[in-house]
N, C-alpha and C. Protein backbone atom coordinates (compact mmCIF):
# COMPACT_ATOMS: atom_id res chain seq x y z
N UNK A 1 -0.37 12.36 -16.78
CA UNK A 1 0.42 11.14 -16.91
C UNK A 1 -0.29 10.19 -17.87
N UNK A 2 0.45 9.58 -18.76
CA UNK A 2 -0.18 8.70 -19.75
C UNK A 2 -0.70 7.39 -19.16
N UNK A 3 -0.15 6.93 -18.04
CA UNK A 3 -0.60 5.65 -17.48
C UNK A 3 -0.52 5.68 -15.95
N UNK A 4 -1.20 4.72 -15.34
CA UNK A 4 -1.17 4.60 -13.89
C UNK A 4 0.23 4.28 -13.38
N UNK A 5 0.94 3.44 -14.11
CA UNK A 5 2.28 3.05 -13.66
C UNK A 5 3.23 4.24 -13.69
N UNK A 6 3.07 5.13 -14.66
CA UNK A 6 3.92 6.34 -14.71
C UNK A 6 3.61 7.24 -13.51
N UNK A 7 2.34 7.36 -13.18
CA UNK A 7 1.96 8.19 -12.05
C UNK A 7 2.47 7.59 -10.74
N UNK A 8 2.38 6.27 -10.62
CA UNK A 8 2.90 5.60 -9.42
C UNK A 8 4.41 5.79 -9.33
N UNK A 9 5.11 5.67 -10.45
CA UNK A 9 6.55 5.85 -10.45
C UNK A 9 6.95 7.26 -10.06
N UNK A 10 6.21 8.25 -10.53
CA UNK A 10 6.49 9.64 -10.20
C UNK A 10 6.33 9.89 -8.70
N UNK A 11 5.35 9.22 -8.10
CA UNK A 11 5.06 9.46 -6.68
C UNK A 11 6.22 9.04 -5.78
N UNK A 12 6.97 8.02 -6.18
CA UNK A 12 8.05 7.53 -5.33
C UNK A 12 7.56 6.62 -4.22
N UNK A 13 6.28 6.32 -4.20
CA UNK A 13 5.73 5.44 -3.16
C UNK A 13 5.50 4.07 -3.77
N UNK A 14 6.51 3.55 -4.41
CA UNK A 14 6.46 2.19 -4.94
C UNK A 14 7.66 1.43 -4.38
N UNK A 15 7.53 0.13 -4.19
CA UNK A 15 8.65 -0.63 -3.63
C UNK A 15 9.85 -0.66 -4.58
N UNK A 16 11.03 -0.63 -3.99
CA UNK A 16 12.25 -0.78 -4.79
C UNK A 16 12.25 -2.17 -5.41
N UNK A 17 12.96 -2.30 -6.51
CA UNK A 17 13.09 -3.61 -7.14
C UNK A 17 14.54 -4.06 -7.05
N UNK A 18 14.72 -5.30 -6.69
CA UNK A 18 16.06 -5.88 -6.62
C UNK A 18 16.00 -7.22 -7.34
N UNK A 19 16.39 -7.21 -8.60
CA UNK A 19 16.35 -8.42 -9.41
C UNK A 19 17.73 -8.67 -10.00
N UNK A 20 18.15 -9.90 -9.89
CA UNK A 20 19.40 -10.28 -10.53
C UNK A 20 19.25 -11.73 -11.00
N UNK A 21 19.44 -11.93 -12.26
CA UNK A 21 19.29 -13.27 -12.80
C UNK A 21 17.87 -13.76 -12.65
N UNK A 22 17.71 -14.85 -11.93
CA UNK A 22 16.39 -15.44 -11.75
C UNK A 22 15.77 -15.11 -10.40
N UNK A 23 16.46 -14.35 -9.56
CA UNK A 23 15.92 -14.03 -8.24
C UNK A 23 15.38 -12.61 -8.21
N UNK A 24 14.36 -12.42 -7.42
CA UNK A 24 13.83 -11.08 -7.18
C UNK A 24 13.37 -11.01 -5.73
N UNK A 25 13.66 -9.88 -5.08
CA UNK A 25 13.30 -9.70 -3.68
C UNK A 25 12.01 -8.91 -3.59
N UNK A 26 11.17 -9.27 -2.64
CA UNK A 26 9.91 -8.57 -2.42
C UNK A 26 9.92 -7.95 -1.03
N UNK A 27 9.05 -6.98 -0.83
CA UNK A 27 8.92 -6.35 0.48
C UNK A 27 10.01 -5.35 0.80
N UNK A 28 10.59 -4.74 -0.22
CA UNK A 28 11.65 -3.76 0.01
C UNK A 28 11.04 -2.40 0.35
N UNK A 29 11.89 -1.46 0.79
CA UNK A 29 11.45 -0.11 1.11
C UNK A 29 10.93 0.59 -0.13
N UNK A 30 10.22 1.73 0.07
CA UNK A 30 9.76 2.50 -1.07
C UNK A 30 10.94 3.28 -1.66
N UNK A 31 10.80 3.67 -2.93
CA UNK A 31 11.92 4.30 -3.63
C UNK A 31 12.19 5.73 -3.16
N UNK A 32 11.16 6.47 -2.78
CA UNK A 32 11.27 7.88 -2.37
C UNK A 32 11.85 8.75 -3.48
N UNK A 33 11.61 8.39 -4.74
CA UNK A 33 12.14 9.16 -5.86
C UNK A 33 11.34 10.43 -6.14
N UNK A 34 10.07 10.44 -5.84
CA UNK A 34 9.20 11.56 -6.19
C UNK A 34 9.38 12.76 -5.28
N UNK A 35 8.63 13.82 -5.58
CA UNK A 35 8.70 15.03 -4.75
C UNK A 35 8.22 14.75 -3.32
N UNK A 36 8.95 15.23 -2.33
CA UNK A 36 8.58 14.97 -0.93
C UNK A 36 7.18 15.47 -0.57
N UNK A 37 6.78 16.62 -1.10
CA UNK A 37 5.44 17.14 -0.79
C UNK A 37 4.35 16.23 -1.33
N UNK A 38 4.57 15.68 -2.50
CA UNK A 38 3.59 14.77 -3.10
C UNK A 38 3.49 13.49 -2.28
N UNK A 39 4.65 12.95 -1.87
CA UNK A 39 4.64 11.74 -1.04
C UNK A 39 3.94 12.01 0.29
N UNK A 40 4.24 13.15 0.89
CA UNK A 40 3.60 13.49 2.17
C UNK A 40 2.09 13.64 1.99
N UNK A 41 1.68 14.28 0.90
CA UNK A 41 0.25 14.42 0.62
C UNK A 41 -0.42 13.07 0.46
N UNK A 42 0.24 12.15 -0.23
CA UNK A 42 -0.33 10.80 -0.38
C UNK A 42 -0.41 10.09 0.97
N UNK A 43 0.62 10.26 1.79
CA UNK A 43 0.62 9.62 3.12
C UNK A 43 -0.54 10.16 3.96
N UNK A 44 -0.70 11.49 3.99
CA UNK A 44 -1.78 12.08 4.78
C UNK A 44 -3.15 11.68 4.24
N UNK A 45 -3.29 11.66 2.91
CA UNK A 45 -4.55 11.24 2.30
C UNK A 45 -4.85 9.78 2.63
N UNK A 46 -3.83 8.95 2.66
CA UNK A 46 -4.01 7.53 3.00
C UNK A 46 -4.43 7.37 4.45
N UNK A 47 -3.84 8.18 5.34
CA UNK A 47 -4.18 8.09 6.75
C UNK A 47 -5.64 8.48 6.99
N UNK A 48 -6.12 9.50 6.30
CA UNK A 48 -7.52 9.90 6.43
C UNK A 48 -8.41 8.92 5.66
N UNK A 49 -7.98 8.53 4.47
CA UNK A 49 -8.77 7.64 3.63
C UNK A 49 -9.08 6.31 4.27
N UNK A 50 -8.15 5.77 5.03
CA UNK A 50 -8.37 4.47 5.69
C UNK A 50 -9.48 4.56 6.72
N UNK A 51 -9.79 5.75 7.19
CA UNK A 51 -10.85 5.94 8.18
C UNK A 51 -12.22 6.11 7.54
N UNK A 52 -12.26 6.39 6.22
CA UNK A 52 -13.52 6.67 5.54
C UNK A 52 -13.84 5.72 4.40
N UNK A 53 -12.84 5.16 3.76
CA UNK A 53 -13.05 4.32 2.58
C UNK A 53 -12.85 2.85 2.97
N UNK A 54 -13.90 2.02 2.85
CA UNK A 54 -13.77 0.61 3.26
C UNK A 54 -12.69 -0.16 2.50
N UNK A 55 -12.48 0.15 1.24
CA UNK A 55 -11.46 -0.56 0.47
C UNK A 55 -10.06 -0.24 1.00
N UNK A 56 -9.83 1.03 1.34
CA UNK A 56 -8.53 1.41 1.91
C UNK A 56 -8.41 0.88 3.34
N UNK A 57 -9.52 0.88 4.08
CA UNK A 57 -9.50 0.35 5.45
C UNK A 57 -9.12 -1.12 5.45
N UNK A 58 -9.58 -1.87 4.45
CA UNK A 58 -9.23 -3.29 4.37
C UNK A 58 -7.73 -3.48 4.16
N UNK A 59 -7.13 -2.67 3.30
CA UNK A 59 -5.68 -2.76 3.06
C UNK A 59 -4.93 -2.48 4.37
N UNK A 60 -5.33 -1.41 5.06
CA UNK A 60 -4.70 -1.04 6.33
C UNK A 60 -4.85 -2.17 7.35
N UNK A 61 -6.05 -2.72 7.47
CA UNK A 61 -6.34 -3.79 8.42
C UNK A 61 -5.47 -5.02 8.14
N UNK A 62 -5.38 -5.41 6.87
CA UNK A 62 -4.57 -6.58 6.51
C UNK A 62 -3.10 -6.36 6.84
N UNK A 63 -2.60 -5.15 6.61
CA UNK A 63 -1.20 -4.85 6.91
C UNK A 63 -0.94 -4.92 8.42
N UNK A 64 -1.86 -4.37 9.20
CA UNK A 64 -1.67 -4.34 10.65
C UNK A 64 -1.88 -5.72 11.28
N UNK A 65 -2.98 -6.38 10.92
CA UNK A 65 -3.37 -7.62 11.60
C UNK A 65 -2.65 -8.84 11.04
N UNK A 66 -2.67 -8.99 9.73
CA UNK A 66 -2.13 -10.22 9.12
C UNK A 66 -0.63 -10.16 8.86
N UNK A 67 -0.10 -8.98 8.55
CA UNK A 67 1.33 -8.89 8.27
C UNK A 67 2.14 -8.38 9.45
N UNK A 68 1.48 -7.84 10.47
CA UNK A 68 2.18 -7.37 11.67
C UNK A 68 2.94 -6.08 11.49
N UNK A 69 2.57 -5.28 10.50
CA UNK A 69 3.26 -4.01 10.27
C UNK A 69 2.82 -2.97 11.29
N UNK A 70 3.67 -1.97 11.50
CA UNK A 70 3.30 -0.86 12.37
C UNK A 70 2.40 0.10 11.59
N UNK A 71 1.86 1.09 12.28
CA UNK A 71 0.92 2.04 11.68
C UNK A 71 1.51 2.72 10.44
N UNK A 72 2.74 3.21 10.55
CA UNK A 72 3.36 3.94 9.44
C UNK A 72 3.50 3.06 8.21
N UNK A 73 3.96 1.83 8.38
CA UNK A 73 4.11 0.92 7.25
C UNK A 73 2.75 0.61 6.63
N UNK A 74 1.74 0.44 7.46
CA UNK A 74 0.40 0.13 6.95
C UNK A 74 -0.16 1.31 6.17
N UNK A 75 0.04 2.53 6.66
CA UNK A 75 -0.44 3.71 5.94
C UNK A 75 0.32 3.87 4.63
N UNK A 76 1.61 3.59 4.62
CA UNK A 76 2.38 3.65 3.36
C UNK A 76 1.86 2.62 2.36
N UNK A 77 1.46 1.46 2.84
CA UNK A 77 0.89 0.45 1.95
C UNK A 77 -0.42 0.95 1.34
N UNK A 78 -1.22 1.65 2.13
CA UNK A 78 -2.45 2.24 1.60
C UNK A 78 -2.10 3.33 0.59
N UNK A 79 -1.09 4.14 0.90
CA UNK A 79 -0.70 5.24 0.01
C UNK A 79 -0.24 4.75 -1.36
N UNK A 80 0.31 3.54 -1.44
CA UNK A 80 0.75 3.03 -2.74
C UNK A 80 -0.42 2.81 -3.69
N UNK A 81 -1.63 2.67 -3.15
CA UNK A 81 -2.82 2.45 -3.98
C UNK A 81 -3.45 3.75 -4.47
N UNK A 82 -3.11 4.87 -3.86
CA UNK A 82 -3.77 6.13 -4.19
C UNK A 82 -3.42 6.69 -5.57
N UNK A 83 -2.16 6.65 -6.04
CA UNK A 83 -1.90 7.23 -7.36
C UNK A 83 -2.74 6.61 -8.48
N UNK A 84 -2.99 5.32 -8.43
CA UNK A 84 -3.82 4.68 -9.45
C UNK A 84 -5.25 5.21 -9.38
N UNK A 85 -5.77 5.38 -8.18
CA UNK A 85 -7.12 5.92 -8.01
C UNK A 85 -7.19 7.36 -8.51
N UNK A 86 -6.19 8.15 -8.16
CA UNK A 86 -6.15 9.55 -8.59
C UNK A 86 -6.10 9.62 -10.12
N UNK A 87 -5.32 8.75 -10.73
CA UNK A 87 -5.20 8.73 -12.19
C UNK A 87 -6.55 8.47 -12.84
N UNK A 88 -7.28 7.49 -12.34
CA UNK A 88 -8.60 7.16 -12.91
C UNK A 88 -9.56 8.33 -12.74
N UNK A 89 -9.57 8.95 -11.58
CA UNK A 89 -10.47 10.08 -11.31
C UNK A 89 -10.17 11.24 -12.26
N UNK A 90 -8.89 11.55 -12.44
CA UNK A 90 -8.52 12.65 -13.33
C UNK A 90 -8.80 12.30 -14.79
N UNK A 91 -8.50 11.09 -15.18
CA UNK A 91 -8.69 10.67 -16.57
C UNK A 91 -10.17 10.65 -16.96
N UNK A 92 -11.01 10.16 -16.05
CA UNK A 92 -12.45 10.05 -16.35
C UNK A 92 -13.22 11.29 -15.91
N UNK A 93 -12.54 12.26 -15.30
CA UNK A 93 -13.14 13.52 -14.86
C UNK A 93 -14.41 13.28 -14.03
N UNK A 94 -14.24 12.54 -12.94
CA UNK A 94 -15.39 12.24 -12.08
C UNK A 94 -15.00 12.43 -10.62
N UNK A 95 -16.00 12.48 -9.77
CA UNK A 95 -15.78 12.67 -8.34
C UNK A 95 -15.39 11.34 -7.69
N UNK A 96 -14.69 11.44 -6.58
CA UNK A 96 -14.32 10.25 -5.81
C UNK A 96 -15.57 9.70 -5.13
N UNK A 97 -15.79 8.41 -5.24
CA UNK A 97 -16.94 7.76 -4.62
C UNK A 97 -16.48 6.71 -3.63
N UNK A 98 -17.13 6.70 -2.48
CA UNK A 98 -16.88 5.62 -1.53
C UNK A 98 -17.60 4.38 -2.04
N UNK A 99 -16.92 3.24 -1.99
CA UNK A 99 -17.50 2.00 -2.48
C UNK A 99 -17.28 0.89 -1.46
N UNK A 100 -18.19 -0.08 -1.48
CA UNK A 100 -18.00 -1.23 -0.61
C UNK A 100 -17.00 -2.18 -1.26
N UNK A 101 -16.78 -3.32 -0.65
CA UNK A 101 -15.75 -4.23 -1.15
C UNK A 101 -16.10 -4.87 -2.49
N UNK A 102 -17.39 -4.86 -2.84
CA UNK A 102 -17.80 -5.38 -4.15
C UNK A 102 -17.80 -4.30 -5.22
N UNK A 103 -17.48 -3.06 -4.84
CA UNK A 103 -17.40 -1.98 -5.81
C UNK A 103 -18.68 -1.17 -5.98
N UNK A 104 -19.68 -1.41 -5.14
CA UNK A 104 -20.93 -0.66 -5.23
C UNK A 104 -20.81 0.64 -4.43
N UNK A 105 -21.30 1.75 -4.98
CA UNK A 105 -21.26 3.03 -4.23
C UNK A 105 -22.06 2.94 -2.93
N UNK A 106 -21.53 3.54 -1.86
CA UNK A 106 -22.22 3.56 -0.57
C UNK A 106 -22.10 4.95 0.04
N UNK A 107 -22.94 5.23 1.02
CA UNK A 107 -22.92 6.53 1.69
C UNK A 107 -21.77 6.59 2.71
N UNK A 108 -21.48 7.81 3.16
CA UNK A 108 -20.44 7.98 4.17
C UNK A 108 -20.80 7.24 5.46
N UNK A 109 -22.07 7.31 5.82
CA UNK A 109 -22.53 6.66 7.04
C UNK A 109 -22.35 5.14 6.95
N UNK A 110 -22.74 4.56 5.82
CA UNK A 110 -22.60 3.12 5.63
C UNK A 110 -21.13 2.71 5.58
N UNK A 111 -20.30 3.55 4.95
CA UNK A 111 -18.87 3.26 4.87
C UNK A 111 -18.25 3.24 6.26
N UNK A 112 -18.59 4.24 7.06
CA UNK A 112 -18.04 4.33 8.42
C UNK A 112 -18.49 3.13 9.26
N UNK A 113 -19.77 2.74 9.10
CA UNK A 113 -20.29 1.59 9.85
C UNK A 113 -19.59 0.30 9.44
N UNK A 114 -19.35 0.13 8.15
CA UNK A 114 -18.66 -1.06 7.64
C UNK A 114 -17.24 -1.13 8.20
N UNK A 115 -16.57 0.00 8.22
CA UNK A 115 -15.20 0.04 8.74
C UNK A 115 -15.19 -0.30 10.24
N UNK A 116 -16.12 0.30 10.99
CA UNK A 116 -16.21 0.01 12.43
C UNK A 116 -16.48 -1.46 12.69
N UNK A 117 -17.32 -2.06 11.87
CA UNK A 117 -17.73 -3.45 12.07
C UNK A 117 -16.65 -4.44 11.65
N UNK A 118 -16.01 -4.19 10.51
CA UNK A 118 -15.12 -5.19 9.91
C UNK A 118 -13.62 -4.89 10.03
N UNK A 119 -13.24 -3.62 10.07
CA UNK A 119 -11.82 -3.28 9.90
C UNK A 119 -11.24 -2.41 11.00
N UNK A 120 -11.75 -2.55 12.21
CA UNK A 120 -11.15 -1.85 13.33
C UNK A 120 -10.03 -2.73 13.88
N UNK A 121 -8.83 -2.18 13.94
CA UNK A 121 -7.67 -2.93 14.42
C UNK A 121 -7.74 -3.01 15.95
N UNK A 122 -7.71 -4.22 16.51
CA UNK A 122 -7.77 -4.37 17.97
C UNK A 122 -6.61 -3.66 18.67
N UNK A 123 -6.89 -3.15 19.85
CA UNK A 123 -5.89 -2.38 20.60
C UNK A 123 -4.66 -3.21 20.94
N UNK A 124 -4.82 -4.51 21.22
CA UNK A 124 -3.65 -5.34 21.55
C UNK A 124 -2.70 -5.47 20.36
N UNK A 125 -3.23 -5.44 19.15
CA UNK A 125 -2.37 -5.48 17.96
C UNK A 125 -1.65 -4.15 17.80
N UNK A 126 -2.35 -3.05 18.06
CA UNK A 126 -1.69 -1.73 18.00
C UNK A 126 -0.55 -1.67 19.02
N UNK A 127 -0.79 -2.17 20.22
CA UNK A 127 0.25 -2.17 21.25
C UNK A 127 1.44 -3.03 20.84
N UNK A 128 1.15 -4.18 20.25
CA UNK A 128 2.22 -5.10 19.83
C UNK A 128 3.12 -4.45 18.78
N UNK A 129 2.52 -3.74 17.82
CA UNK A 129 3.32 -3.15 16.75
C UNK A 129 3.94 -1.82 17.17
N UNK A 130 3.45 -1.24 18.26
CA UNK A 130 3.95 0.07 18.69
C UNK A 130 5.36 -0.01 19.27
N UNK A 131 5.74 -1.13 19.86
CA UNK A 131 7.02 -1.23 20.54
C UNK A 131 8.22 -1.39 19.64
N UNK A 132 8.03 -1.66 18.36
CA UNK A 132 9.19 -1.98 17.54
C UNK A 132 10.09 -0.77 17.31
N UNK A 133 9.54 0.43 17.34
CA UNK A 133 10.37 1.62 17.19
C UNK A 133 11.23 1.81 18.44
N UNK A 134 10.67 1.55 19.61
CA UNK A 134 11.43 1.67 20.86
C UNK A 134 12.57 0.66 20.90
N UNK A 135 12.28 -0.58 20.49
CA UNK A 135 13.34 -1.60 20.48
C UNK A 135 14.47 -1.20 19.54
N UNK A 136 14.13 -0.65 18.37
CA UNK A 136 15.15 -0.24 17.41
C UNK A 136 15.99 0.89 17.99
N UNK A 137 15.34 1.86 18.65
CA UNK A 137 16.09 2.97 19.25
C UNK A 137 17.04 2.46 20.33
N UNK A 138 16.55 1.52 21.15
CA UNK A 138 17.42 0.95 22.19
C UNK A 138 18.62 0.27 21.58
N UNK A 139 18.39 -0.49 20.50
CA UNK A 139 19.47 -1.20 19.83
C UNK A 139 20.46 -0.20 19.23
N UNK A 140 19.94 0.86 18.59
CA UNK A 140 20.82 1.87 18.01
C UNK A 140 21.64 2.56 19.09
N UNK A 141 21.01 2.84 20.25
CA UNK A 141 21.73 3.45 21.36
C UNK A 141 22.83 2.55 21.87
N UNK A 142 22.56 1.25 21.94
CA UNK A 142 23.56 0.28 22.38
C UNK A 142 24.73 0.26 21.40
N UNK A 143 24.44 0.24 20.12
CA UNK A 143 25.50 0.22 19.10
C UNK A 143 26.34 1.48 19.19
N UNK A 144 25.69 2.64 19.35
CA UNK A 144 26.44 3.90 19.48
C UNK A 144 27.36 3.88 20.69
N UNK A 145 26.87 3.36 21.82
CA UNK A 145 27.70 3.31 23.02
C UNK A 145 28.89 2.38 22.82
N UNK A 146 28.70 1.27 22.11
CA UNK A 146 29.80 0.35 21.82
C UNK A 146 30.84 1.03 20.93
N UNK A 147 30.38 1.77 19.93
CA UNK A 147 31.30 2.47 19.02
C UNK A 147 32.08 3.52 19.79
N UNK A 148 31.39 4.29 20.66
CA UNK A 148 32.08 5.30 21.47
C UNK A 148 33.15 4.65 22.34
N UNK A 149 32.83 3.50 22.92
CA UNK A 149 33.80 2.79 23.75
C UNK A 149 35.02 2.36 22.95
N UNK A 150 34.79 1.87 21.72
CA UNK A 150 35.90 1.47 20.86
C UNK A 150 36.77 2.66 20.47
N UNK A 151 36.12 3.77 20.13
CA UNK A 151 36.87 4.98 19.75
C UNK A 151 37.70 5.46 20.92
N UNK A 152 37.13 5.47 22.11
CA UNK A 152 37.86 5.90 23.30
C UNK A 152 39.05 4.97 23.56
N UNK A 153 38.84 3.68 23.42
CA UNK A 153 39.92 2.71 23.64
C UNK A 153 41.03 2.89 22.61
N UNK A 154 40.65 3.12 21.34
CA UNK A 154 41.66 3.34 20.30
C UNK A 154 42.45 4.61 20.55
N UNK A 155 41.76 5.67 20.95
CA UNK A 155 42.46 6.92 21.22
C UNK A 155 43.40 6.77 22.41
N UNK A 156 42.97 6.05 23.43
CA UNK A 156 43.81 5.85 24.61
C UNK A 156 45.04 5.02 24.26
N UNK A 157 44.87 3.99 23.42
CA UNK A 157 46.01 3.15 23.06
C UNK A 157 46.98 3.89 22.14
N UNK A 158 46.46 4.80 21.35
CA UNK A 158 47.31 5.56 20.44
C UNK A 158 48.21 6.52 21.20
N UNK A 159 47.74 7.06 22.30
CA UNK A 159 48.51 8.02 23.07
C UNK A 159 49.29 7.37 24.20
N UNK A 160 49.14 6.08 24.39
CA UNK A 160 49.84 5.41 25.49
C UNK A 160 51.25 5.01 25.10
């Protein structure tokens, strides 16, 4: 890929853009334009990377704690940063290095300790964000039952 932006675009893990006139919306879903296997690979790499790389752990922590996102959304946010990193590694033909927040190389042991000390998401926050999928399912179930009731009523009135 000639540039980081082209690689990010290919991945499909970039936010959709909605611009009209002078307005633009932020925080939209990802485009999902790229190959599904590549997106899945980025997601899995982000999930593991947040546990070992302090820079990725910070992104995950901010998404979970400060923005209130669930685990999946936070991992997707981490995954959006990976194509740029992959591009640099391939372009410069070098190995991936763990770095601290100032960009200095650190050992795996130091990286893990930094993550444990600074970027461990508290369990109460995990519990708070965990329930939103259940609430959505309950709401969807309620909507489906309402639609079924309407369909039944319409069919009954049509044959009456």
